[in-house]
């Protein structure tokens, strides 16, 4: 069984997120989404617009996703990269959460 893991905040869920998850799903038997927790966002000097619990719920409802887990610290990535298949996918051009926040004047 091939498991693919992707990381993200998945804040202000948009078509770019869904397209990324759809592409990742074609590469696996199981797709895990690891969401940046509020703690990890703070370490990056950023804030999410929604709490991790709400982002987790929304991500779990996407049909391509098999499991959603929180990213709680930097060391977690090393373990994950060794355990799961890692594939880097290009972002959807023209859309991002950063752009949406900027257009809304909230960033």
PDB file of N, CA and C in Angstrom:
ATOM      1  N   UNK A   1       0.846  -1.184   0.000  1.00  0.00           N
ATOM      2  CA  UNK A   1       0.000   0.000   0.000  1.00  0.00           C
ATOM      3  C   UNK A   1       0.888   1.242   0.000  1.00  0.00           C
ATOM      4  N   UNK A   2       0.651   2.166  -0.919  1.00  0.00           N
ATOM      5  CA  UNK A   2       1.428   3.402  -1.025  1.00  0.00           C
ATOM      6  C   UNK A   2       0.672   4.533  -0.337  1.00  0.00           C
ATOM      7  N   UNK A   3       1.342   5.175   0.619  1.00  0.00           N
ATOM      8  CA  UNK A   3       0.756   6.305   1.343  1.00  0.00           C
ATOM      9  C   UNK A   3       1.471   7.576   0.927  1.00  0.00           C
ATOM     10  N   UNK A   4       0.696   8.604   0.609  1.00  0.00           N
ATOM     11  CA  UNK A   4       1.246   9.918   0.268  1.00  0.00           C
ATOM     12  C   UNK A   4       0.823  10.891   1.350  1.00  0.00           C
ATOM     13  N   UNK A   5       1.759  11.747   1.725  1.00  0.00           N
ATOM     14  CA  UNK A   5       1.530  12.748   2.764  1.00  0.00           C
ATOM     15  C   UNK A   5       1.728  14.124   2.165  1.00  0.00           C
ATOM     16  N   UNK A   6       0.822  15.032   2.475  1.00  0.00           N
ATOM     17  CA  UNK A   6       1.010  16.418   2.074  1.00  0.00           C
ATOM     18  C   UNK A   6       0.800  17.306   3.290  1.00  0.00           C
ATOM     19  N   UNK A   7       1.522  18.403   3.313  1.00  0.00           N
ATOM     20  CA  UNK A   7       1.445  19.361   4.405  1.00  0.00           C
ATOM     21  C   UNK A   7       0.727  20.611   3.937  1.00  0.00           C
ATOM     22  N   UNK A   8       0.115  21.305   4.873  1.00  0.00           N
ATOM     23  CA  UNK A   8      -0.475  22.591   4.533  1.00  0.00           C
ATOM     24  C   UNK A   8      -1.243  23.164   5.697  1.00  0.00           C
ATOM     25  N   UNK A   9      -1.605  24.404   5.528  1.00  0.00           N
ATOM     26  CA  UNK A   9      -2.473  25.066   6.498  1.00  0.00           C
ATOM     27  C   UNK A   9      -3.922  24.857   6.086  1.00  0.00           C
ATOM     28  N   UNK A  10      -4.155  24.863   4.787  1.00  0.00           N
ATOM     29  CA  UNK A  10      -5.491  24.695   4.218  1.00  0.00           C
ATOM     30  C   UNK A  10      -6.477  25.658   4.875  1.00  0.00           C
ATOM     31  N   UNK A  11      -6.021  26.891   4.964  1.00  0.00           N
ATOM     32  CA  UNK A  11      -6.805  27.994   5.508  1.00  0.00           C
ATOM     33  C   UNK A  11      -7.570  28.629   4.350  1.00  0.00           C
ATOM     34  N   UNK A  12      -8.767  29.059   4.584  1.00  0.00           N
ATOM     35  CA  UNK A  12      -9.595  29.626   3.513  1.00  0.00           C
ATOM     36  C   UNK A  12      -9.586  28.680   2.311  1.00  0.00           C
ATOM     37  N   UNK A  13     -10.055  27.486   2.530  1.00  0.00           N
ATOM     38  CA  UNK A  13     -10.034  26.416   1.543  1.00  0.00           C
ATOM     39  C   UNK A  13     -10.523  26.914   0.180  1.00  0.00           C
ATOM     40  N   UNK A  14      -9.737  26.651  -0.873  1.00  0.00           N
ATOM     41  CA  UNK A  14     -10.081  27.114  -2.216  1.00  0.00           C
ATOM     42  C   UNK A  14      -9.743  26.047  -3.246  1.00  0.00           C
ATOM     43  N   UNK A  15     -10.040  26.338  -4.508  1.00  0.00           N
ATOM     44  CA  UNK A  15      -9.870  25.328  -5.561  1.00  0.00           C
ATOM     45  C   UNK A  15      -8.425  24.867  -5.711  1.00  0.00           C
ATOM     46  N   UNK A  16      -7.469  25.704  -5.397  1.00  0.00           N
ATOM     47  CA  UNK A  16      -6.066  25.298  -5.463  1.00  0.00           C
ATOM     48  C   UNK A  16      -5.772  24.174  -4.474  1.00  0.00           C
ATOM     49  N   UNK A  17      -6.352  24.276  -3.276  1.00  0.00           N
ATOM     50  CA  UNK A  17      -6.180  23.216  -2.286  1.00  0.00           C
ATOM     51  C   UNK A  17      -6.796  21.908  -2.792  1.00  0.00           C
ATOM     52  N   UNK A  18      -8.026  21.992  -3.271  1.00  0.00           N
ATOM     53  CA  UNK A  18      -8.726  20.790  -3.731  1.00  0.00           C
ATOM     54  C   UNK A  18      -7.988  20.160  -4.910  1.00  0.00           C
ATOM     55  N   UNK A  19      -7.510  20.972  -5.845  1.00  0.00           N
ATOM     56  CA  UNK A  19      -6.766  20.436  -6.984  1.00  0.00           C
ATOM     57  C   UNK A  19      -5.472  19.753  -6.541  1.00  0.00           C
ATOM     58  N   UNK A  20      -4.782  20.327  -5.563  1.00  0.00           N
ATOM     59  CA  UNK A  20      -3.573  19.708  -5.026  1.00  0.00           C
ATOM     60  C   UNK A  20      -3.896  18.340  -4.434  1.00  0.00           C
ATOM     61  N   UNK A  21      -4.948  18.275  -3.643  1.00  0.00           N
ATOM     62  CA  UNK A  21      -5.326  17.008  -3.003  1.00  0.00           C
ATOM     63  C   UNK A  21      -5.783  15.980  -4.036  1.00  0.00           C
ATOM     64  N   UNK A  22      -6.455  16.426  -5.061  1.00  0.00           N
ATOM     65  CA  UNK A  22      -6.892  15.517  -6.127  1.00  0.00           C
ATOM     66  C   UNK A  22      -5.679  14.927  -6.850  1.00  0.00           C
ATOM     67  N   UNK A  23      -4.700  15.767  -7.175  1.00  0.00           N
ATOM     68  CA  UNK A  23      -3.482  15.277  -7.843  1.00  0.00           C
ATOM     69  C   UNK A  23      -2.707  14.328  -6.935  1.00  0.00           C
ATOM     70  N   UNK A  24      -2.593  14.665  -5.665  1.00  0.00           N
ATOM     71  CA  UNK A  24      -1.885  13.797  -4.724  1.00  0.00           C
ATOM     72  C   UNK A  24      -2.590  12.451  -4.597  1.00  0.00           C
ATOM     73  N   UNK A  25      -3.902  12.460  -4.664  1.00  0.00           N
ATOM     74  CA  UNK A  25      -4.682  11.230  -4.522  1.00  0.00           C
ATOM     75  C   UNK A  25      -4.438  10.257  -5.670  1.00  0.00           C
ATOM     76  N   UNK A  26      -4.053  10.763  -6.830  1.00  0.00           N
ATOM     77  CA  UNK A  26      -3.801   9.871  -7.963  1.00  0.00           C
ATOM     78  C   UNK A  26      -2.507   9.077  -7.780  1.00  0.00           C
ATOM     79  N   UNK A  27      -1.681   9.463  -6.827  1.00  0.00           N
ATOM     80  CA  UNK A  27      -0.368   8.850  -6.609  1.00  0.00           C
ATOM     81  C   UNK A  27      -0.345   7.842  -5.466  1.00  0.00           C
ATOM     82  N   UNK A  28      -1.496   7.521  -4.904  1.00  0.00           N
ATOM     83  CA  UNK A  28      -1.489   6.761  -3.669  1.00  0.00           C
ATOM     84  C   UNK A  28      -2.642   5.778  -3.544  1.00  0.00           C
ATOM     85  N   UNK A  29      -2.516   4.959  -2.490  1.00  0.00           N
ATOM     86  CA  UNK A  29      -3.629   4.158  -2.008  1.00  0.00           C
ATOM     87  C   UNK A  29      -4.283   4.874  -0.834  1.00  0.00           C
ATOM     88  N   UNK A  30      -3.462   5.665  -0.110  1.00  0.00           N
ATOM     89  CA  UNK A  30      -3.950   6.402   1.063  1.00  0.00           C
ATOM     90  C   UNK A  30      -3.318   7.793   1.047  1.00  0.00           C
ATOM     91  N   UNK A  31      -4.137   8.832   1.278  1.00  0.00           N
ATOM     92  CA  UNK A  31      -3.649  10.213   1.317  1.00  0.00           C
ATOM     93  C   UNK A  31      -3.848  10.787   2.717  1.00  0.00           C
ATOM     94  N   UNK A  32      -2.740  11.215   3.299  1.00  0.00           N
ATOM     95  CA  UNK A  32      -2.763  11.853   4.615  1.00  0.00           C
ATOM     96  C   UNK A  32      -2.475  13.337   4.439  1.00  0.00           C
ATOM     97  N   UNK A  33      -3.275  14.166   5.084  1.00  0.00           N
ATOM     98  CA  UNK A  33      -3.056  15.610   5.103  1.00  0.00           C
ATOM     99  C   UNK A  33      -2.582  15.969   6.502  1.00  0.00           C
ATOM    100  N   UNK A  34      -1.447  16.624   6.572  1.00  0.00           N
ATOM    101  CA  UNK A  34      -0.934  17.086   7.853  1.00  0.00           C
ATOM    102  C   UNK A  34      -1.104  18.595   7.931  1.00  0.00           C
ATOM    103  N   UNK A  35      -1.977  19.026   8.819  1.00  0.00           N
ATOM    104  CA  UNK A  35      -2.316  20.446   8.954  1.00  0.00           C
ATOM    105  C   UNK A  35      -1.400  21.141   9.944  1.00  0.00           C
ATOM    106  N   UNK A  36      -0.933  22.310   9.565  1.00  0.00           N
ATOM    107  CA  UNK A  36      -0.128  23.121  10.482  1.00  0.00           C
ATOM    108  C   UNK A  36      -1.015  23.580  11.636  1.00  0.00           C
ATOM    109  N   UNK A  37      -0.599  23.251  12.849  1.00  0.00           N
ATOM    110  CA  UNK A  37      -1.347  23.680  14.037  1.00  0.00           C
ATOM    111  C   UNK A  37      -1.087  25.161  14.298  1.00  0.00           C
ATOM    112  N   UNK A  38      -1.850  25.729  15.203  1.00  0.00           N
ATOM    113  CA  UNK A  38      -1.644  27.125  15.579  1.00  0.00           C
ATOM    114  C   UNK A  38      -0.226  27.319  16.126  1.00  0.00           C
ATOM    115  N   UNK A  39       0.270  26.317  16.847  1.00  0.00           N
ATOM    116  CA  UNK A  39       1.623  26.383  17.413  1.00  0.00           C
ATOM    117  C   UNK A  39       2.677  26.489  16.305  1.00  0.00           C
ATOM    118  N   UNK A  40       2.546  25.663  15.264  1.00  0.00           N
ATOM    119  CA  UNK A  40       3.500  25.689  14.154  1.00  0.00           C
ATOM    120  C   UNK A  40       3.367  26.992  13.371  1.00  0.00           C
ATOM    121  N   UNK A  41       2.145  27.459  13.167  1.00  0.00           N
ATOM    122  CA  UNK A  41       1.959  28.739  12.470  1.00  0.00           C
ATOM    123  C   UNK A  41       2.636  29.870  13.238  1.00  0.00           C
ATOM    124  N   UNK A  42       2.516  29.854  14.563  1.00  0.00           N
ATOM    125  CA  UNK A  42       3.142  30.892  15.390  1.00  0.00           C
ATOM    126  C   UNK A  42       4.660  30.851  15.268  1.00  0.00           C
ATOM    127  N   UNK A  43       5.220  29.638  15.181  1.00  0.00           N
ATOM    128  CA  UNK A  43       6.672  29.509  15.005  1.00  0.00           C
ATOM    129  C   UNK A  43       7.122  30.140  13.690  1.00  0.00           C
ATOM    130  N   UNK A  44       6.246  30.132  12.687  1.00  0.00           N
ATOM    131  CA  UNK A  44       6.546  30.740  11.390  1.00  0.00           C
ATOM    132  C   UNK A  44       6.221  32.230  11.371  1.00  0.00           C
ATOM    133  N   UNK A  45       5.660  32.739  12.477  1.00  0.00           N
ATOM    134  CA  UNK A  45       5.278  34.141  12.551  1.00  0.00           C
ATOM    135  C   UNK A  45       4.005  34.445  11.775  1.00  0.00           C
ATOM    136  N   UNK A  46       3.156  33.440  11.613  1.00  0.00           N
ATOM    137  CA  UNK A  46       1.913  33.608  10.857  1.00  0.00           C
ATOM    138  C   UNK A  46       0.732  33.134  11.684  1.00  0.00           C
ATOM    139  N   UNK A  47      -0.452  33.569  11.270  1.00  0.00           N
ATOM    140  CA  UNK A  47      -1.690  33.134  11.899  1.00  0.00           C
ATOM    141  C   UNK A  47      -2.609  32.560  10.837  1.00  0.00           C
ATOM    142  N   UNK A  48      -3.384  31.569  11.206  1.00  0.00           N
ATOM    143  CA  UNK A  48      -4.410  31.045  10.316  1.00  0.00           C
ATOM    144  C   UNK A  48      -5.709  31.798  10.602  1.00  0.00           C
ATOM    145  N   UNK A  49      -6.563  31.905   9.598  1.00  0.00           N
ATOM    146  CA  UNK A  49      -7.844  32.578   9.774  1.00  0.00           C
ATOM    147  C   UNK A  49      -8.843  31.709  10.522  1.00  0.00           C
ATOM    148  N   UNK A  50      -8.638  30.392  10.457  1.00  0.00           N
ATOM    149  CA  UNK A  50      -9.528  29.454  11.134  1.00  0.00           C
ATOM    150  C   UNK A  50      -8.702  28.573  12.073  1.00  0.00           C
ATOM    151  N   UNK A  51      -9.325  28.155  13.165  1.00  0.00           N
ATOM    152  CA  UNK A  51      -8.654  27.234  14.082  1.00  0.00           C
ATOM    153  C   UNK A  51      -8.411  25.896  13.386  1.00  0.00           C
ATOM    154  N   UNK A  52      -7.373  25.200  13.830  1.00  0.00           N
ATOM    155  CA  UNK A  52      -6.985  23.916  13.253  1.00  0.00           C
ATOM    156  C   UNK A  52      -8.155  22.927  13.255  1.00  0.00           C
ATOM    157  N   UNK A  53      -8.950  22.931  14.307  1.00  0.00           N
ATOM    158  CA  UNK A  53     -10.097  22.025  14.414  1.00  0.00           C
ATOM    159  C   UNK A  53     -11.073  22.224  13.247  1.00  0.00           C
ATOM    160  N   UNK A  54     -11.326  23.472  12.874  1.00  0.00           N
ATOM    161  CA  UNK A  54     -12.233  23.769  11.754  1.00  0.00           C
ATOM    162  C   UNK A  54     -11.599  23.411  10.412  1.00  0.00           C
ATOM    163  N   UNK A  55     -10.302  23.682  10.268  1.00  0.00           N
ATOM    164  CA  UNK A  55      -9.604  23.324   9.033  1.00  0.00           C
ATOM    165  C   UNK A  55      -9.530  21.817   8.877  1.00  0.00           C
ATOM    166  N   UNK A  56      -9.370  21.111   9.991  1.00  0.00           N
ATOM    167  CA  UNK A  56      -9.339  19.649   9.970  1.00  0.00           C
ATOM    168  C   UNK A  56     -10.681  19.097   9.494  1.00  0.00           C
ATOM    169  N   UNK A  57     -11.757  19.631  10.040  1.00  0.00           N
ATOM    170  CA  UNK A  57     -13.093  19.172   9.645  1.00  0.00           C
ATOM    171  C   UNK A  57     -13.311  19.362   8.145  1.00  0.00           C
ATOM    172  N   UNK A  58     -12.982  20.550   7.638  1.00  0.00           N
ATOM    173  CA  UNK A  58     -13.179  20.837   6.209  1.00  0.00           C
ATOM    174  C   UNK A  58     -12.323  19.922   5.343  1.00  0.00           C
ATOM    175  N   UNK A  59     -11.094  19.689   5.749  1.00  0.00           N
ATOM    176  CA  UNK A  59     -10.191  18.819   4.979  1.00  0.00           C
ATOM    177  C   UNK A  59     -10.667  17.372   4.977  1.00  0.00           C
ATOM    178  N   UNK A  60     -11.216  16.919   6.090  1.00  0.00           N
ATOM    179  CA  UNK A  60     -11.718  15.544   6.177  1.00  0.00           C
ATOM    180  C   UNK A  60     -12.907  15.313   5.248  1.00  0.00           C
ATOM    181  N   UNK A  61     -13.618  16.361   4.922  1.00  0.00           N
ATOM    182  CA  UNK A  61     -14.806  16.240   4.067  1.00  0.00           C
ATOM    183  C   UNK A  61     -14.458  16.154   2.581  1.00  0.00           C
ATOM    184  N   UNK A  62     -13.215  16.389   2.225  1.00  0.00           N
ATOM    185  CA  UNK A  62     -12.794  16.285   0.825  1.00  0.00           C
ATOM    186  C   UNK A  62     -12.604  14.814   0.492  1.00  0.00           C
ATOM    187  N   UNK A  63     -13.251  14.361  -0.558  1.00  0.00           N
ATOM    188  CA  UNK A  63     -13.310  12.929  -0.855  1.00  0.00           C
ATOM    189  C   UNK A  63     -11.960  12.284  -1.137  1.00  0.00           C
ATOM    190  N   UNK A  64     -10.958  13.042  -1.492  1.00  0.00           N
ATOM    191  CA  UNK A  64      -9.647  12.487  -1.816  1.00  0.00           C
ATOM    192  C   UNK A  64      -8.815  12.179  -0.569  1.00  0.00           C
ATOM    193  N   UNK A  65      -9.214  12.729   0.574  1.00  0.00           N
ATOM    194  CA  UNK A  65      -8.425  12.658   1.805  1.00  0.00           C
ATOM    195  C   UNK A  65      -8.860  11.469   2.657  1.00  0.00           C
ATOM    196  N   UNK A  66      -7.873  10.673   3.079  1.00  0.00           N
ATOM    197  CA  UNK A  66      -8.163   9.520   3.917  1.00  0.00           C
ATOM    198  C   UNK A  66      -7.965   9.796   5.402  1.00  0.00           C
ATOM    199  N   UNK A  67      -7.018  10.674   5.730  1.00  0.00           N
ATOM    200  CA  UNK A  67      -6.715  10.948   7.133  1.00  0.00           C
ATOM    201  C   UNK A  67      -6.141  12.348   7.256  1.00  0.00           C
ATOM    202  N   UNK A  68      -6.543  13.069   8.300  1.00  0.00           N
ATOM    203  CA  UNK A  68      -6.007  14.400   8.589  1.00  0.00           C
ATOM    204  C   UNK A  68      -5.410  14.358   9.987  1.00  0.00           C
ATOM    205  N   UNK A  69      -4.140  14.790  10.083  1.00  0.00           N
ATOM    206  CA  UNK A  69      -3.454  14.822  11.368  1.00  0.00           C
ATOM    207  C   UNK A  69      -2.827  16.199  11.565  1.00  0.00           C
ATOM    208  N   UNK A  70      -2.648  16.625  12.820  1.00  0.00           N
ATOM    209  CA  UNK A  70      -2.024  17.928  13.053  1.00  0.00           C
ATOM    210  C   UNK A  70      -0.502  17.860  12.959  1.00  0.00           C
ATOM    211  N   UNK A  71       0.078  18.938  12.486  1.00  0.00           N
ATOM    212  CA  UNK A  71       1.536  19.115  12.538  1.00  0.00           C
ATOM    213  C   UNK A  71       1.797  19.946  13.788  1.00  0.00           C
ATOM    214  N   UNK A  72       2.444  19.341  14.769  1.00  0.00           N
ATOM    215  CA  UNK A  72       2.622  20.010  16.053  1.00  0.00           C
ATOM    216  C   UNK A  72       4.022  20.546  16.308  1.00  0.00           C
ATOM    217  N   UNK A  73       5.023  20.036  15.555  1.00  0.00           N
ATOM    218  CA  UNK A  73       6.387  20.526  15.748  1.00  0.00           C
ATOM    219  C   UNK A  73       7.223  20.211  14.507  1.00  0.00           C
ATOM    220  N   UNK A  74       8.389  20.849  14.432  1.00  0.00           N
ATOM    221  CA  UNK A  74       9.266  20.695  13.261  1.00  0.00           C
ATOM    222  C   UNK A  74       9.851  19.296  13.156  1.00  0.00           C
ATOM    223  N   UNK A  75      10.142  18.651  14.277  1.00  0.00           N
ATOM    224  CA  UNK A  75      10.756  17.330  14.260  1.00  0.00           C
ATOM    225  C   UNK A  75       9.842  16.274  13.641  1.00  0.00           C
ATOM    226  N   UNK A  76       8.582  16.528  13.670  1.00  0.00           N
ATOM    227  CA  UNK A  76       7.597  15.598  13.122  1.00  0.00           C
ATOM    228  C   UNK A  76       7.836  15.346  11.630  1.00  0.00           C
ATOM    229  N   UNK A  77       8.279  16.362  10.915  1.00  0.00           N
ATOM    230  CA  UNK A  77       8.493  16.230   9.463  1.00  0.00           C
ATOM    231  C   UNK A  77       9.570  15.194   9.134  1.00  0.00           C
ATOM    232  N   UNK A  78      10.629  15.154   9.894  1.00  0.00           N
ATOM    233  CA  UNK A  78      11.706  14.195   9.635  1.00  0.00           C
ATOM    234  C   UNK A  78      11.156  12.778   9.703  1.00  0.00           C
ATOM    235  N   UNK A  79      10.437  12.476  10.747  1.00  0.00           N
ATOM    236  CA  UNK A  79       9.829  11.157  10.917  1.00  0.00           C
ATOM    237  C   UNK A  79       8.874  10.857   9.754  1.00  0.00           C
ATOM    238  N   UNK A  80       8.062  11.827   9.398  1.00  0.00           N
ATOM    239  CA  UNK A  80       7.070  11.636   8.332  1.00  0.00           C
ATOM    240  C   UNK A  80       7.724  11.381   6.980  1.00  0.00           C
ATOM    241  N   UNK A  81       8.763  12.142   6.675  1.00  0.00           N
ATOM    242  CA  UNK A  81       9.445  11.991   5.385  1.00  0.00           C
ATOM    243  C   UNK A  81      10.067  10.598   5.272  1.00  0.00           C
ATOM    244  N   UNK A  82      10.559  10.070   6.372  1.00  0.00           N
ATOM    245  CA  UNK A  82      11.138   8.728   6.357  1.00  0.00           C
ATOM    246  C   UNK A  82      10.067   7.639   6.245  1.00  0.00           C
ATOM    247  N   UNK A  83       8.872   7.939   6.737  1.00  0.00           N
ATOM    248  CA  UNK A  83       7.812   6.925   6.791  1.00  0.00           C
ATOM    249  C   UNK A  83       6.916   6.904   5.551  1.00  0.00           C
ATOM    250  N   UNK A  84       6.710   8.047   4.905  1.00  0.00           N
ATOM    251  CA  UNK A  84       5.758   8.156   3.802  1.00  0.00           C
ATOM    252  C   UNK A  84       6.420   8.595   2.507  1.00  0.00           C
ATOM    253  N   UNK A  85       5.714   8.363   1.398  1.00  0.00           N
ATOM    254  CA  UNK A  85       6.168   8.824   0.081  1.00  0.00           C
ATOM    255  C   UNK A  85       6.028  10.336   0.028  1.00  0.00           C
ATOM    256  N   UNK A  86       7.058  11.012  -0.440  1.00  0.00           N
ATOM    257  CA  UNK A  86       7.031  12.469  -0.549  1.00  0.00           C
ATOM    258  C   UNK A  86       7.086  12.848  -2.021  1.00  0.00           C
ATOM    259  N   UNK A  87       6.118  13.627  -2.448  1.00  0.00           N
ATOM    260  CA  UNK A  87       6.064  14.117  -3.818  1.00  0.00           C
ATOM    261  C   UNK A  87       5.739  15.606  -3.746  1.00  0.00           C
ATOM    262  N   UNK A  88       6.508  16.401  -4.446  1.00  0.00           N
ATOM    263  CA  UNK A  88       6.249  17.841  -4.485  1.00  0.00           C
ATOM    264  C   UNK A  88       5.429  18.167  -5.726  1.00  0.00           C
ATOM    265  N   UNK A  89       4.300  18.810  -5.514  1.00  0.00           N
ATOM    266  CA  UNK A  89       3.394  19.174  -6.605  1.00  0.00           C
ATOM    267  C   UNK A  89       3.355  20.686  -6.748  1.00  0.00           C
ATOM    268  N   UNK A  90       3.243  21.140  -7.974  1.00  0.00           N
ATOM    269  CA  UNK A  90       3.160  22.574  -8.231  1.00  0.00           C
ATOM    270  C   UNK A  90       1.833  23.131  -7.732  1.00  0.00           C
ATOM    271  N   UNK A  91       1.873  24.373  -7.321  1.00  0.00           N
ATOM    272  CA  UNK A  91       0.654  25.057  -6.887  1.00  0.00           C
ATOM    273  C   UNK A  91      -0.197  25.410  -8.096  1.00  0.00           C
ATOM    274  N   UNK A  92      -1.485  25.636  -7.873  1.00  0.00           N
ATOM    275  CA  UNK A  92      -2.380  26.114  -8.917  1.00  0.00           C
ATOM    276  C   UNK A  92      -2.080  27.587  -9.156  1.00  0.00           C
ATOM    277  N   UNK A  93      -1.742  27.925 -10.382  1.00  0.00           N
ATOM    278  CA  UNK A  93      -1.398  29.316 -10.687  1.00  0.00           C
ATOM    279  C   UNK A  93      -2.593  30.238 -10.503  1.00  0.00           C
ATOM    280  N   UNK A  94      -2.308  31.430 -10.011  1.00  0.00           N
ATOM    281  CA  UNK A  94      -3.319  32.472  -9.932  1.00  0.00           C
ATOM    282  C   UNK A  94      -4.186  32.457  -8.686  1.00  0.00           C
ATOM    283  N   UNK A  95      -3.982  31.477  -7.805  1.00  0.00           N
ATOM    284  CA  UNK A  95      -4.778  31.446  -6.574  1.00  0.00           C
ATOM    285  C   UNK A  95      -3.918  30.953  -5.420  1.00  0.00           C
ATOM    286  N   UNK A  96      -4.082  31.613  -4.286  1.00  0.00           N
ATOM    287  CA  UNK A  96      -3.419  31.189  -3.056  1.00  0.00           C
ATOM    288  C   UNK A  96      -4.154  31.852  -1.897  1.00  0.00           C
ATOM    289  N   UNK A  97      -4.002  31.277  -0.730  1.00  0.00           N
ATOM    290  CA  UNK A  97      -4.613  31.875   0.457  1.00  0.00           C
ATOM    291  C   UNK A  97      -4.015  33.251   0.716  1.00  0.00           C
ATOM    292  N   UNK A  98      -2.712  33.389   0.500  1.00  0.00           N
ATOM    293  CA  UNK A  98      -2.062  34.687   0.694  1.00  0.00           C
ATOM    294  C   UNK A  98      -2.682  35.738  -0.220  1.00  0.00           C
ATOM    295  N   UNK A  99      -2.929  35.377  -1.486  1.00  0.00           N
ATOM    296  CA  UNK A  99      -3.546  36.322  -2.431  1.00  0.00           C
ATOM    297  C   UNK A  99      -4.975  36.665  -1.999  1.00  0.00           C
ATOM    298  N   UNK A 100      -5.728  35.670  -1.564  1.00  0.00           N
ATOM    299  CA  UNK A 100      -7.106  35.914  -1.122  1.00  0.00           C
ATOM    300  C   UNK A 100      -7.106  36.855   0.075  1.00  0.00           C
ATOM    301  N   UNK A 101      -6.235  36.611   1.048  1.00  0.00           N
ATOM    302  CA  UNK A 101      -6.155  37.487   2.221  1.00  0.00           C
ATOM    303  C   UNK A 101      -5.761  38.902   1.817  1.00  0.00           C
ATOM    304  N   UNK A 102      -4.824  39.009   0.884  1.00  0.00           N
ATOM    305  CA  UNK A 102      -4.392  40.333   0.422  1.00  0.00           C
ATOM    306  C   UNK A 102      -5.542  41.050  -0.271  1.00  0.00           C
ATOM    307  N   UNK A 103      -6.272  40.346  -1.137  1.00  0.00           N
ATOM    308  CA  UNK A 103      -7.409  40.945  -1.843  1.00  0.00           C
ATOM    309  C   UNK A 103      -8.507  41.385  -0.874  1.00  0.00           C
ATOM    310  N   UNK A 104      -8.656  40.644   0.221  1.00  0.00           N
ATOM    311  CA  UNK A 104      -9.652  40.997   1.249  1.00  0.00           C
ATOM    312  C   UNK A 104      -9.164  42.066   2.216  1.00  0.00           C
ATOM    313  N   UNK A 105      -7.853  42.350   2.158  1.00  0.00           N
ATOM    314  CA  UNK A 105      -7.257  43.330   3.054  1.00  0.00           C
ATOM    315  C   UNK A 105      -7.061  42.816   4.461  1.00  0.00           C
ATOM    316  N   UNK A 106      -6.955  41.485   4.592  1.00  0.00           N
ATOM    317  CA  UNK A 106      -6.782  40.900   5.920  1.00  0.00           C
ATOM    318  C   UNK A 106      -5.372  40.408   6.175  1.00  0.00           C
ATOM    319  N   UNK A 107      -4.462  40.626   5.231  1.00  0.00           N
ATOM    320  CA  UNK A 107      -3.091  40.146   5.410  1.00  0.00           C
ATOM    321  C   UNK A 107      -2.153  41.300   5.614  1.00  0.00           C
TER     322      UNK A 107
END
